[in-house]
Amino acid sequence: MKLEKILDRAGDGGGLSFEETVSLLSLDPDSKEMPELLDTAHEASRLWTSGRGHIWASIGVDCIPCPISCSFCSHGEKWGIVKDRWALSTEEVVDRIHLYDVPEVRWISIRTTEFYPIEDMVRIARLAGPLDCAQLVANTGEYTLETAQALHEAGFNMAYHVMRLREGMDTGVDRTVRMRTLKAVQASPLELSSLVDPVGPEHTNEEIAESILTHRALGATLMGVMARFAVPGTPKFDLGTISPSRLAQITAVVRLAVGKQAHAICTHPSDERIVRSGANTVVLEYGAIPRDTSVSPGEWRGITVEKAAQLLRNAGYEVGNGAPQTQA
């Protein structure tokens, strides 16, 4: 398929087919065609989001030697990196939520391990809310429609949940179980956010396209891509990570493939090129980090609210919540 034809069709915001998505992903990320793809995605992003950029603050609440042992995660019990349980107290989580509840931050994610008690998630949301600026995102283990509704009633507006690349092979979660939770979120009042996660050099264009279109079909309104970090001591370490050019390419393809359905595209890690390739959302992380071998006592890798906001402003986005946020 010709690049010009695909990009022209992408401009109407209706999304792309599987074949068109694979075609864009198949381009050499360092080719002469790439600037046109990235520029088209950036222009579409600014148009479809009214030029607004957002910050996603993610609070890693706990880590344990996790028996699921996903092959890319530092928390896996089999890898022996995390030896003891670590967790923020409820009060510490609530304090951190209030610290990030500022106009520049659109979402605050409460990220937990697979077995963190849902009742504690509910308690945190009730104690923290209502928030002045941000929305709460639940990023936890598998659950039912009843639980999704309970999370929404407690104050969560969105859930982050993903059918991960090579689910059931590189992860310890059955695809059927994962899809059951995704369907529960879809049927609930919670918005769904899903990234192509986690992308490594070994993943094929077809696998990436399938992930993009699967989550689009589930109605995800925040999408994007997460590069797999090469964590020392995990089985995936030797495979390394994708190049910045490849990450920018996938970001642009996600933006165009999902069209106007996604009001935000989030790519991790972000840099100056990424936020000019279709992404309008930058992540900052605190606490337990499954992409690192230790807990982060401050913002991970020095990405603060101020630095994230500057990245977005440099790319021409206005940072801040321009519309009233819906509270549960």
C-alpha atoms as a PDB file:
ATOM      1  CA  MET A   1       0.000   0.000   0.000  1.00  0.00           C
ATOM      2  CA  LYS A   2       1.239   3.477  -0.790  1.00  0.00           C
ATOM      3  CA  LEU A   3       2.078   5.636   2.208  1.00  0.00           C
ATOM      4  CA  GLU A   4       0.322   8.697   0.785  1.00  0.00           C
ATOM      5  CA  LYS A   5      -2.915   6.795   0.287  1.00  0.00           C
ATOM      6  CA  ILE A   6      -2.934   5.413   3.842  1.00  0.00           C
ATOM      7  CA  LEU A   7      -2.082   8.767   5.412  1.00  0.00           C
ATOM      8  CA  ASP A   8      -4.773  10.465   3.372  1.00  0.00           C
ATOM      9  CA  ARG A   9      -7.360   7.976   4.598  1.00  0.00           C
ATOM     10  CA  ALA A  10      -6.133   8.287   8.180  1.00  0.00           C
ATOM     11  CA  GLY A  11      -6.848  12.001   8.086  1.00  0.00           C
ATOM     12  CA  ASP A  12     -10.591  11.545   8.410  1.00  0.00           C
ATOM     13  CA  GLY A  13     -10.114  10.135  11.921  1.00  0.00           C
ATOM     14  CA  GLY A  14     -12.041   6.928  11.329  1.00  0.00           C
ATOM     15  CA  GLY A  15      -9.062   4.678  11.949  1.00  0.00           C
ATOM     16  CA  LEU A  16      -7.184   2.207   9.791  1.00  0.00           C
ATOM     17  CA  SER A  17      -7.627  -1.428   8.790  1.00  0.00           C
ATOM     18  CA  PHE A  18      -5.368  -4.241   9.975  1.00  0.00           C
ATOM     19  CA  GLU A  19      -3.593  -4.305   6.600  1.00  0.00           C
ATOM     20  CA  GLU A  20      -3.040  -0.531   6.604  1.00  0.00           C
ATOM     21  CA  THR A  21      -1.758  -0.629  10.163  1.00  0.00           C
ATOM     22  CA  VAL A  22       0.699  -3.424   9.354  1.00  0.00           C
ATOM     23  CA  SER A  23       1.833  -1.529   6.261  1.00  0.00           C
ATOM     24  CA  LEU A  24       2.772   1.541   8.317  1.00  0.00           C
ATOM     25  CA  LEU A  25       4.466  -0.583  10.965  1.00  0.00           C
ATOM     26  CA  SER A  26       6.485  -2.318   8.245  1.00  0.00           C
ATOM     27  CA  LEU A  27       8.270   0.863   7.192  1.00  0.00           C
ATOM     28  CA  ASP A  28      11.908   1.181   8.168  1.00  0.00           C
ATOM     29  CA  PRO A  29      11.823   3.449  11.267  1.00  0.00           C
ATOM     30  CA  ASP A  30      14.888   5.298   9.964  1.00  0.00           C
ATOM     31  CA  SER A  31      13.652   5.616   6.393  1.00  0.00           C
ATOM     32  CA  LYS A  32      13.035   8.796   4.419  1.00  0.00           C
ATOM     33  CA  GLU A  33       9.274   8.152   4.660  1.00  0.00           C
ATOM     34  CA  MET A  34       9.270   8.382   8.445  1.00  0.00           C
ATOM     35  CA  PRO A  35       9.158  12.207   8.843  1.00  0.00           C
ATOM     36  CA  GLU A  36       5.942  12.314   6.823  1.00  0.00           C
ATOM     37  CA  LEU A  37       4.339   9.632   9.007  1.00  0.00           C
ATOM     38  CA  LEU A  38       5.402  11.308  12.264  1.00  0.00           C
ATOM     39  CA  ASP A  39       4.360  14.783  11.098  1.00  0.00           C
ATOM     40  CA  THR A  40       0.961  13.512   9.975  1.00  0.00           C
ATOM     41  CA  ALA A  41       0.365  11.852  13.344  1.00  0.00           C
ATOM     42  CA  HIS A  42       1.460  14.973  15.235  1.00  0.00           C
ATOM     43  CA  GLU A  43      -0.846  17.204  13.207  1.00  0.00           C
ATOM     44  CA  ALA A  44      -3.726  14.755  13.703  1.00  0.00           C
ATOM     45  CA  SER A  45      -3.068  14.593  17.430  1.00  0.00           C
ATOM     46  CA  ARG A  46      -3.139  18.353  17.854  1.00  0.00           C
ATOM     47  CA  LEU A  47      -6.290  18.609  15.740  1.00  0.00           C
ATOM     48  CA  TRP A  48      -8.229  15.766  17.365  1.00  0.00           C
ATOM     49  CA  THR A  49      -7.284  16.763  20.917  1.00  0.00           C
ATOM     50  CA  SER A  50      -7.811  20.498  20.429  1.00  0.00           C
ATOM     51  CA  GLY A  51      -4.116  20.951  21.081  1.00  0.00           C
ATOM     52  CA  ARG A  52      -4.244  19.685  24.646  1.00  0.00           C
ATOM     53  CA  GLY A  53      -1.465  17.738  26.292  1.00  0.00           C
ATOM     54  CA  HIS A  54      -1.860  15.720  29.461  1.00  0.00           C
ATOM     55  CA  ILE A  55       0.232  14.281  32.266  1.00  0.00           C
ATOM     56  CA  TRP A  56      -0.375  10.821  33.682  1.00  0.00           C
ATOM     57  CA  ALA A  57       0.981  10.352  37.220  1.00  0.00           C
ATOM     58  CA  SER A  58       1.372   6.701  38.178  1.00  0.00           C
ATOM     59  CA  ILE A  59       1.764   5.682  41.824  1.00  0.00           C
ATOM     60  CA  GLY A  60       3.253   2.219  42.313  1.00  0.00           C
ATOM     61  CA  VAL A  61       1.569   1.232  45.557  1.00  0.00           C
ATOM     62  CA  ASP A  62       3.230  -2.110  46.284  1.00  0.00           C
ATOM     63  CA  CYS A  63       5.598  -4.805  45.121  1.00  0.00           C
ATOM     64  CA  ILE A  64       5.924  -8.439  46.123  1.00  0.00           C
ATOM     65  CA  PRO A  65       7.730 -11.510  44.852  1.00  0.00           C
ATOM     66  CA  CYS A  66       4.857 -12.130  42.428  1.00  0.00           C
ATOM     67  CA  PRO A  67       4.082 -15.806  41.641  1.00  0.00           C
ATOM     68  CA  ILE A  68       2.799 -14.894  38.162  1.00  0.00           C
ATOM     69  CA  SER A  69       6.397 -14.106  37.130  1.00  0.00           C
ATOM     70  CA  CYS A  70       5.930 -12.309  33.810  1.00  0.00           C
ATOM     71  CA  SER A  71       9.186 -12.610  31.880  1.00  0.00           C
ATOM     72  CA  PHE A  72       9.746  -8.832  31.631  1.00  0.00           C
ATOM     73  CA  CYS A  73       8.731  -7.771  35.158  1.00  0.00           C
ATOM     74  CA  SER A  74      11.132  -7.155  38.025  1.00  0.00           C
ATOM     75  CA  HIS A  75       8.498  -8.297  40.505  1.00  0.00           C
ATOM     76  CA  GLY A  76       8.464 -11.894  39.271  1.00  0.00           C
ATOM     77  CA  GLU A  77       9.095 -14.330  42.108  1.00  0.00           C
ATOM     78  CA  LYS A  78      11.127 -16.622  39.847  1.00  0.00           C
ATOM     79  CA  TRP A  79      13.697 -13.924  39.076  1.00  0.00           C
ATOM     80  CA  GLY A  80      14.559 -13.217  42.723  1.00  0.00           C
ATOM     81  CA  ILE A  81      14.878  -9.451  42.260  1.00  0.00           C
ATOM     82  CA  VAL A  82      12.154  -8.487  44.748  1.00  0.00           C
ATOM     83  CA  LYS A  83      12.740 -10.475  47.907  1.00  0.00           C
ATOM     84  CA  ASP A  84      10.325  -8.879  50.371  1.00  0.00           C
ATOM     85  CA  ARG A  85       6.946  -7.193  50.285  1.00  0.00           C
ATOM     86  CA  TRP A  86       6.981  -3.408  50.114  1.00  0.00           C
ATOM     87  CA  ALA A  87       3.910  -1.183  50.210  1.00  0.00           C
ATOM     88  CA  LEU A  88       2.911   2.406  50.749  1.00  0.00           C
ATOM     89  CA  SER A  89       0.429   2.939  53.555  1.00  0.00           C
ATOM     90  CA  THR A  90      -3.067   4.116  52.690  1.00  0.00           C
ATOM     91  CA  GLU A  91      -2.205   7.526  54.115  1.00  0.00           C
ATOM     92  CA  GLU A  92       0.947   7.771  51.984  1.00  0.00           C
ATOM     93  CA  VAL A  93      -1.001   6.927  48.832  1.00  0.00           C
ATOM     94  CA  VAL A  94      -3.683   9.492  49.618  1.00  0.00           C
ATOM     95  CA  ASP A  95      -1.045  12.154  50.322  1.00  0.00           C
ATOM     96  CA  ARG A  96       0.672  11.396  47.017  1.00  0.00           C
ATOM     97  CA  ILE A  97      -2.660  11.615  45.162  1.00  0.00           C
ATOM     98  CA  HIS A  98      -3.263  15.067  46.630  1.00  0.00           C
ATOM     99  CA  LEU A  99       0.284  16.111  45.696  1.00  0.00           C
ATOM    100  CA  TYR A 100      -0.423  15.241  42.049  1.00  0.00           C
ATOM    101  CA  ASP A 101      -3.948  16.697  42.018  1.00  0.00           C
ATOM    102  CA  VAL A 102      -2.909  19.844  40.149  1.00  0.00           C
ATOM    103  CA  PRO A 103      -4.229  21.402  36.908  1.00  0.00           C
ATOM    104  CA  GLU A 104      -1.374  19.999  34.809  1.00  0.00           C
ATOM    105  CA  VAL A 105      -2.168  16.377  35.743  1.00  0.00           C
ATOM    106  CA  ARG A 106      -5.129  14.738  34.018  1.00  0.00           C
ATOM    107  CA  TRP A 107      -4.887  11.209  35.435  1.00  0.00           C
ATOM    108  CA  ILE A 108      -3.509   9.670  38.620  1.00  0.00           C
ATOM    109  CA  SER A 109      -3.075   5.935  38.345  1.00  0.00           C
ATOM    110  CA  ILE A 110      -3.092   3.670  41.380  1.00  0.00           C
ATOM    111  CA  ARG A 111      -0.919   0.789  40.203  1.00  0.00           C
ATOM    112  CA  THR A 112      -0.812  -2.384  42.276  1.00  0.00           C
ATOM    113  CA  THR A 113       0.368  -5.945  42.059  1.00  0.00           C
ATOM    114  CA  GLU A 114      -2.029  -8.673  40.966  1.00  0.00           C
ATOM    115  CA  PHE A 115      -3.130  -9.588  44.479  1.00  0.00           C
ATOM    116  CA  TYR A 116      -3.578  -6.174  46.103  1.00  0.00           C
ATOM    117  CA  PRO A 117      -6.943  -6.099  47.932  1.00  0.00           C
ATOM    118  CA  ILE A 118      -9.689  -4.372  45.964  1.00  0.00           C
ATOM    119  CA  GLU A 119     -11.201  -3.141  49.239  1.00  0.00           C
ATOM    120  CA  ASP A 120      -7.988  -1.187  49.842  1.00  0.00           C
ATOM    121  CA  MET A 121      -8.291   0.383  46.375  1.00  0.00           C
ATOM    122  CA  VAL A 122     -11.846   1.410  47.218  1.00  0.00           C
ATOM    123  CA  ARG A 123     -10.737   2.848  50.572  1.00  0.00           C
ATOM    124  CA  ILE A 124      -7.975   4.893  48.958  1.00  0.00           C
ATOM    125  CA  ALA A 125     -10.352   6.406  46.397  1.00  0.00           C
ATOM    126  CA  ARG A 126     -12.941   7.303  49.003  1.00  0.00           C
ATOM    127  CA  LEU A 127     -10.396   8.920  51.293  1.00  0.00           C
ATOM    128  CA  ALA A 128      -8.731  10.852  48.467  1.00  0.00           C
ATOM    129  CA  GLY A 129     -11.818  12.159  46.691  1.00  0.00           C
ATOM    130  CA  PRO A 130     -13.344  14.178  45.374  1.00  0.00           C
ATOM    131  CA  LEU A 131     -10.315  15.508  43.520  1.00  0.00           C
ATOM    132  CA  ASP A 132     -10.034  19.083  42.281  1.00  0.00           C
ATOM    133  CA  CYS A 133      -8.331  18.486  38.931  1.00  0.00           C
ATOM    134  CA  ALA A 134      -7.326  14.930  38.134  1.00  0.00           C
ATOM    135  CA  GLN A 135      -9.145  11.657  37.550  1.00  0.00           C
ATOM    136  CA  LEU A 136      -8.292   8.393  39.287  1.00  0.00           C
ATOM    137  CA  VAL A 137      -7.242   5.356  37.263  1.00  0.00           C
ATOM    138  CA  ALA A 138      -7.326   1.792  38.613  1.00  0.00           C
ATOM    139  CA  ASN A 139      -4.409  -0.353  37.454  1.00  0.00           C
ATOM    140  CA  THR A 140      -4.709  -3.641  39.311  1.00  0.00           C
ATOM    141  CA  GLY A 141      -5.338  -7.364  38.825  1.00  0.00           C
ATOM    142  CA  GLU A 142      -8.237  -9.256  37.311  1.00  0.00           C
ATOM    143  CA  TYR A 143     -11.799  -8.517  38.417  1.00  0.00           C
ATOM    144  CA  THR A 144     -15.496  -8.761  37.592  1.00  0.00           C
ATOM    145  CA  LEU A 145     -18.107  -6.301  36.362  1.00  0.00           C
ATOM    146  CA  GLU A 146     -19.351  -5.974  39.938  1.00  0.00           C
ATOM    147  CA  THR A 147     -15.876  -4.920  41.057  1.00  0.00           C
ATOM    148  CA  ALA A 148     -15.519  -2.494  38.141  1.00  0.00           C
ATOM    149  CA  GLN A 149     -18.758  -0.843  39.198  1.00  0.00           C
ATOM    150  CA  ALA A 150     -17.577  -0.697  42.828  1.00  0.00           C
ATOM    151  CA  LEU A 151     -14.344   0.987  41.755  1.00  0.00           C
ATOM    152  CA  HIS A 152     -16.300   3.580  39.793  1.00  0.00           C
ATOM    153  CA  GLU A 153     -18.645   4.236  42.695  1.00  0.00           C
ATOM    154  CA  ALA A 154     -15.629   4.741  44.972  1.00  0.00           C
ATOM    155  CA  GLY A 155     -14.199   7.459  42.713  1.00  0.00           C
ATOM    156  CA  PHE A 156     -12.251   5.827  39.897  1.00  0.00           C
ATOM    157  CA  ASN A 157     -13.029   7.184  36.436  1.00  0.00           C
ATOM    158  CA  MET A 158     -10.834   4.944  34.333  1.00  0.00           C
ATOM    159  CA  ALA A 159      -9.169   1.533  34.368  1.00  0.00           C
ATOM    160  CA  TYR A 160      -5.870   0.636  32.777  1.00  0.00           C
ATOM    161  CA  HIS A 161      -6.039  -2.927  31.525  1.00  0.00           C
ATOM    162  CA  VAL A 162      -4.272  -4.645  28.650  1.00  0.00           C
ATOM    163  CA  MET A 163      -4.150  -7.863  26.685  1.00  0.00           C
ATOM    164  CA  ARG A 164      -0.383  -7.909  26.754  1.00  0.00           C
ATOM    165  CA  LEU A 165       1.753  -8.919  23.836  1.00  0.00           C
ATOM    166  CA  ARG A 166       2.193 -12.723  23.904  1.00  0.00           C
ATOM    167  CA  GLU A 167      -0.209 -12.949  26.832  1.00  0.00           C
ATOM    168  CA  GLY A 168      -0.071 -16.402  28.378  1.00  0.00           C
ATOM    169  CA  MET A 169       3.405 -17.032  26.925  1.00  0.00           C
ATOM    170  CA  ASP A 170       5.481 -14.183  28.351  1.00  0.00           C
ATOM    171  CA  THR A 171       3.000 -13.618  31.173  1.00  0.00           C
ATOM    172  CA  GLY A 172       1.397 -15.882  33.733  1.00  0.00           C
ATOM    173  CA  VAL A 173      -2.129 -14.705  32.936  1.00  0.00           C
ATOM    174  CA  ASP A 174      -4.517 -16.695  30.785  1.00  0.00           C
ATOM    175  CA  ARG A 175      -5.818 -14.745  27.774  1.00  0.00           C
ATOM    176  CA  THR A 176      -9.398 -15.738  28.592  1.00  0.00           C
ATOM    177  CA  VAL A 177      -9.094 -14.349  32.108  1.00  0.00           C
ATOM    178  CA  ARG A 178      -7.544 -11.119  30.840  1.00  0.00           C
ATOM    179  CA  MET A 179     -10.270 -10.637  28.242  1.00  0.00           C
ATOM    180  CA  ARG A 180     -12.935 -11.269  30.872  1.00  0.00           C
ATOM    181  CA  THR A 181     -11.659  -8.280  32.857  1.00  0.00           C
ATOM    182  CA  LEU A 182     -11.391  -6.119  29.751  1.00  0.00           C
ATOM    183  CA  LYS A 183     -15.011  -6.948  28.929  1.00  0.00           C
ATOM    184  CA  ALA A 184     -15.997  -6.105  32.515  1.00  0.00           C
ATOM    185  CA  VAL A 185     -14.412  -2.658  32.168  1.00  0.00           C
ATOM    186  CA  GLN A 186     -16.083  -2.195  28.790  1.00  0.00           C
ATOM    187  CA  ALA A 187     -19.493  -2.972  30.320  1.00  0.00           C
ATOM    188  CA  SER A 188     -18.939  -0.676  33.306  1.00  0.00           C
ATOM    189  CA  PRO A 189     -19.003   3.138  33.632  1.00  0.00           C
ATOM    190  CA  LEU A 190     -15.191   3.146  33.734  1.00  0.00           C
ATOM    191  CA  GLU A 191     -13.296   4.421  30.703  1.00  0.00           C
ATOM    192  CA  LEU A 192     -10.748   1.967  29.364  1.00  0.00           C
ATOM    193  CA  SER A 193      -7.120   2.876  28.775  1.00  0.00           C
ATOM    194  CA  SER A 194      -4.847   0.376  27.031  1.00  0.00           C
ATOM    195  CA  LEU A 195      -1.354   0.574  25.581  1.00  0.00           C
ATOM    196  CA  VAL A 196       0.455  -1.802  23.263  1.00  0.00           C
ATOM    197  CA  ASP A 197       2.414  -3.241  26.157  1.00  0.00           C
ATOM    198  CA  PRO A 198       5.286  -4.133  26.455  1.00  0.00           C
ATOM    199  CA  VAL A 199       6.879  -3.887  23.001  1.00  0.00           C
ATOM    200  CA  GLY A 200      10.253  -5.532  22.429  1.00  0.00           C
ATOM    201  CA  PRO A 201      12.422  -5.998  19.324  1.00  0.00           C
ATOM    202  CA  GLU A 202      11.062  -9.510  18.824  1.00  0.00           C
ATOM    203  CA  HIS A 203       7.413  -8.515  18.401  1.00  0.00           C
ATOM    204  CA  THR A 204       6.138  -8.635  14.840  1.00  0.00           C
ATOM    205  CA  ASN A 205       4.231  -5.916  13.022  1.00  0.00           C
ATOM    206  CA  GLU A 206       1.198  -8.214  12.946  1.00  0.00           C
ATOM    207  CA  GLU A 207       1.287  -8.720  16.718  1.00  0.00           C
ATOM    208  CA  ILE A 208       1.489  -4.983  17.315  1.00  0.00           C
ATOM    209  CA  ALA A 209      -1.338  -4.270  14.866  1.00  0.00           C
ATOM    210  CA  GLU A 210      -3.512  -6.922  16.499  1.00  0.00           C
ATOM    211  CA  SER A 211      -2.951  -5.327  19.898  1.00  0.00           C
ATOM    212  CA  ILE A 212      -3.840  -1.857  18.601  1.00  0.00           C
ATOM    213  CA  LEU A 213      -7.055  -2.980  16.950  1.00  0.00           C
ATOM    214  CA  THR A 214      -8.093  -5.317  19.782  1.00  0.00           C
ATOM    215  CA  HIS A 215      -8.080  -2.476  22.279  1.00  0.00           C
ATOM    216  CA  ARG A 216      -9.690  -0.109  19.797  1.00  0.00           C
ATOM    217  CA  ALA A 217     -12.523  -2.622  19.410  1.00  0.00           C
ATOM    218  CA  LEU A 218     -12.917  -2.732  23.195  1.00  0.00           C
ATOM    219  CA  GLY A 219     -13.587   1.001  23.165  1.00  0.00           C
ATOM    220  CA  ALA A 220     -10.384   2.273  24.754  1.00  0.00           C
ATOM    221  CA  THR A 221     -10.329   6.070  24.839  1.00  0.00           C
ATOM    222  CA  LEU A 222      -6.718   6.428  25.951  1.00  0.00           C
ATOM    223  CA  MET A 223      -4.229   4.375  23.962  1.00  0.00           C
ATOM    224  CA  GLY A 224      -0.560   4.338  23.086  1.00  0.00           C
ATOM    225  CA  VAL A 225       2.520   2.182  23.439  1.00  0.00           C
ATOM    226  CA  MET A 226       4.969   1.132  26.130  1.00  0.00           C
ATOM    227  CA  ALA A 227       8.455   0.007  25.265  1.00  0.00           C
ATOM    228  CA  ARG A 228       9.687  -2.977  27.223  1.00  0.00           C
ATOM    229  CA  PHE A 229      12.524  -1.965  29.513  1.00  0.00           C
ATOM    230  CA  ALA A 230      15.455  -4.375  29.675  1.00  0.00           C
ATOM    231  CA  VAL A 231      15.446  -5.183  33.384  1.00  0.00           C
ATOM    232  CA  PRO A 232      18.617  -6.964  34.549  1.00  0.00           C
ATOM    233  CA  GLY A 233      17.825 -10.402  35.941  1.00  0.00           C
ATOM    234  CA  THR A 234      14.642 -10.967  33.925  1.00  0.00           C
ATOM    235  CA  PRO A 235      14.446 -13.445  31.015  1.00  0.00           C
ATOM    236  CA  LYS A 236      13.821 -10.669  28.502  1.00  0.00           C
ATOM    237  CA  PHE A 237      16.894  -8.654  29.470  1.00  0.00           C
ATOM    238  CA  ASP A 238      19.138 -10.035  26.719  1.00  0.00           C
ATOM    239  CA  LEU A 239      16.601  -9.126  24.023  1.00  0.00           C
ATOM    240  CA  GLY A 240      17.051  -5.447  24.826  1.00  0.00           C
ATOM    241  CA  THR A 241      14.553  -2.729  23.993  1.00  0.00           C
ATOM    242  CA  ILE A 242      13.274  -1.070  20.849  1.00  0.00           C
ATOM    243  CA  SER A 243      15.012   1.987  19.437  1.00  0.00           C
ATOM    244  CA  PRO A 244      13.656   5.517  19.971  1.00  0.00           C
ATOM    245  CA  SER A 245      12.941   5.645  16.230  1.00  0.00           C
ATOM    246  CA  ARG A 246      10.855   2.468  16.381  1.00  0.00           C
ATOM    247  CA  LEU A 247       8.959   3.749  19.436  1.00  0.00           C
ATOM    248  CA  ALA A 248       8.172   7.001  17.616  1.00  0.00           C
ATOM    249  CA  GLN A 249       6.971   5.034  14.598  1.00  0.00           C
ATOM    250  CA  ILE A 250       4.633   2.815  16.639  1.00  0.00           C
ATOM    251  CA  THR A 251       3.330   5.881  18.472  1.00  0.00           C
ATOM    252  CA  ALA A 252       2.416   7.534  15.181  1.00  0.00           C
ATOM    253  CA  VAL A 253       0.754   4.381  13.888  1.00  0.00           C
ATOM    254  CA  VAL A 254      -1.338   4.014  17.043  1.00  0.00           C
ATOM    255  CA  ARG A 255      -2.495   7.629  16.739  1.00  0.00           C
ATOM    256  CA  LEU A 256      -3.616   7.177  13.150  1.00  0.00           C
ATOM    257  CA  ALA A 257      -4.946   3.634  13.474  1.00  0.00           C
ATOM    258  CA  VAL A 258      -7.346   4.428  16.350  1.00  0.00           C
ATOM    259  CA  GLY A 259      -8.427   7.774  14.933  1.00  0.00           C
ATOM    260  CA  LYS A 260     -10.639  10.135  16.881  1.00  0.00           C
ATOM    261  CA  GLN A 261     -11.853   7.397  19.238  1.00  0.00           C
ATOM    262  CA  ALA A 262      -8.842   7.978  21.514  1.00  0.00           C
ATOM    263  CA  HIS A 263      -8.774  11.425  23.072  1.00  0.00           C
ATOM    264  CA  ALA A 264      -5.235  10.791  24.282  1.00  0.00           C
ATOM    265  CA  ILE A 265      -2.184   8.860  23.138  1.00  0.00           C
ATOM    266  CA  CYS A 266       0.310   7.975  25.837  1.00  0.00           C
ATOM    267  CA  THR A 267       3.802   6.670  25.076  1.00  0.00           C
ATOM    268  CA  HIS A 268       6.336   5.511  27.644  1.00  0.00           C
ATOM    269  CA  PRO A 269       9.110   6.515  27.798  1.00  0.00           C
ATOM    270  CA  SER A 270       8.537   9.959  26.314  1.00  0.00           C
ATOM    271  CA  ASP A 271      11.016  12.368  24.800  1.00  0.00           C
ATOM    272  CA  GLU A 272      11.000  15.387  22.498  1.00  0.00           C
ATOM    273  CA  ARG A 273      10.509  13.231  19.407  1.00  0.00           C
ATOM    274  CA  ILE A 274       7.718  11.095  20.900  1.00  0.00           C
ATOM    275  CA  VAL A 275       5.532  14.107  21.697  1.00  0.00           C
ATOM    276  CA  ARG A 276       5.951  15.195  18.076  1.00  0.00           C
ATOM    277  CA  SER A 277       4.918  11.769  16.787  1.00  0.00           C
ATOM    278  CA  GLY A 278       1.291  11.594  17.855  1.00  0.00           C
ATOM    279  CA  ALA A 279       1.539  11.309  21.635  1.00  0.00           C
ATOM    280  CA  ASN A 280      -0.053  14.033  23.743  1.00  0.00           C
ATOM    281  CA  THR A 281       0.331  12.359  27.136  1.00  0.00           C
ATOM    282  CA  VAL A 282       3.485  11.961  29.231  1.00  0.00           C
ATOM    283  CA  VAL A 283       3.851   9.549  32.151  1.00  0.00           C
ATOM    284  CA  LEU A 284       5.621  10.172  35.430  1.00  0.00           C
ATOM    285  CA  GLU A 285       6.075   7.376  37.952  1.00  0.00           C
ATOM    286  CA  TYR A 286       6.613   7.069  41.681  1.00  0.00           C
ATOM    287  CA  GLY A 287       7.050   4.166  44.094  1.00  0.00           C
ATOM    288  CA  ALA A 288       7.146   0.537  42.982  1.00  0.00           C
ATOM    289  CA  ILE A 289       8.340   0.294  39.379  1.00  0.00           C
ATOM    290  CA  PRO A 290       8.034  -3.064  37.561  1.00  0.00           C
ATOM    291  CA  ARG A 291      10.524  -1.741  34.989  1.00  0.00           C
ATOM    292  CA  ASP A 292      13.277  -1.257  37.576  1.00  0.00           C
ATOM    293  CA  THR A 293      15.043  -3.332  40.198  1.00  0.00           C
ATOM    294  CA  SER A 294      14.292  -0.990  43.089  1.00  0.00           C
ATOM    295  CA  VAL A 295      11.555   1.236  44.475  1.00  0.00           C
ATOM    296  CA  SER A 296      11.789   4.860  43.362  1.00  0.00           C
ATOM    297  CA  PRO A 297      11.825   7.306  46.326  1.00  0.00           C
ATOM    298  CA  GLY A 298      11.028  10.192  43.990  1.00  0.00           C
ATOM    299  CA  GLU A 299       9.765  10.630  40.438  1.00  0.00           C
ATOM    300  CA  TRP A 300      11.338   7.830  38.397  1.00  0.00           C
ATOM    301  CA  ARG A 301      14.185   8.946  36.135  1.00  0.00           C
ATOM    302  CA  GLY A 302      13.607  12.544  37.193  1.00  0.00           C
ATOM    303  CA  ILE A 303      10.428  13.050  35.147  1.00  0.00           C
ATOM    304  CA  THR A 304       8.506  15.524  37.297  1.00  0.00           C
ATOM    305  CA  VAL A 305       5.236  17.327  36.602  1.00  0.00           C
ATOM    306  CA  GLU A 306       7.239  20.356  35.525  1.00  0.00           C
ATOM    307  CA  LYS A 307       9.479  18.422  33.126  1.00  0.00           C
ATOM    308  CA  ALA A 308       6.551  16.497  31.645  1.00  0.00           C
ATOM    309  CA  ALA A 309       4.643  19.727  31.096  1.00  0.00           C
ATOM    310  CA  GLN A 310       7.634  21.338  29.389  1.00  0.00           C
ATOM    311  CA  LEU A 311       7.995  18.391  27.012  1.00  0.00           C
ATOM    312  CA  LEU A 312       4.395  18.827  25.926  1.00  0.00           C
ATOM    313  CA  ARG A 313       4.573  22.614  25.641  1.00  0.00           C
ATOM    314  CA  ASN A 314       7.687  22.360  23.482  1.00  0.00           C
ATOM    315  CA  ALA A 315       5.647  20.210  21.094  1.00  0.00           C
ATOM    316  CA  GLY A 316       2.918  22.834  20.834  1.00  0.00           C
ATOM    317  CA  TYR A 317       0.413  21.449  23.332  1.00  0.00           C
ATOM    318  CA  GLU A 318      -1.472  23.425  25.926  1.00  0.00           C
ATOM    319  CA  VAL A 319      -1.094  21.601  29.232  1.00  0.00           C
ATOM    320  CA  GLY A 320      -3.932  21.494  31.725  1.00  0.00           C
ATOM    321  CA  ASN A 321      -7.461  20.285  32.016  1.00  0.00           C
ATOM    322  CA  GLY A 322      -9.529  22.539  29.839  1.00  0.00           C
ATOM    323  CA  ALA A 323     -12.833  20.767  30.485  1.00  0.00           C
ATOM    324  CA  PRO A 324     -14.478  20.007  33.828  1.00  0.00           C
ATOM    325  CA  GLN A 325     -13.514  16.523  34.970  1.00  0.00           C
ATOM    326  CA  THR A 326     -16.301  14.037  35.565  1.00  0.00           C
ATOM    327  CA  GLN A 327     -16.397  12.823  39.126  1.00  0.00           C
ATOM    328  CA  ALA A 328     -17.946   9.543  40.161  1.00  0.00           C
END
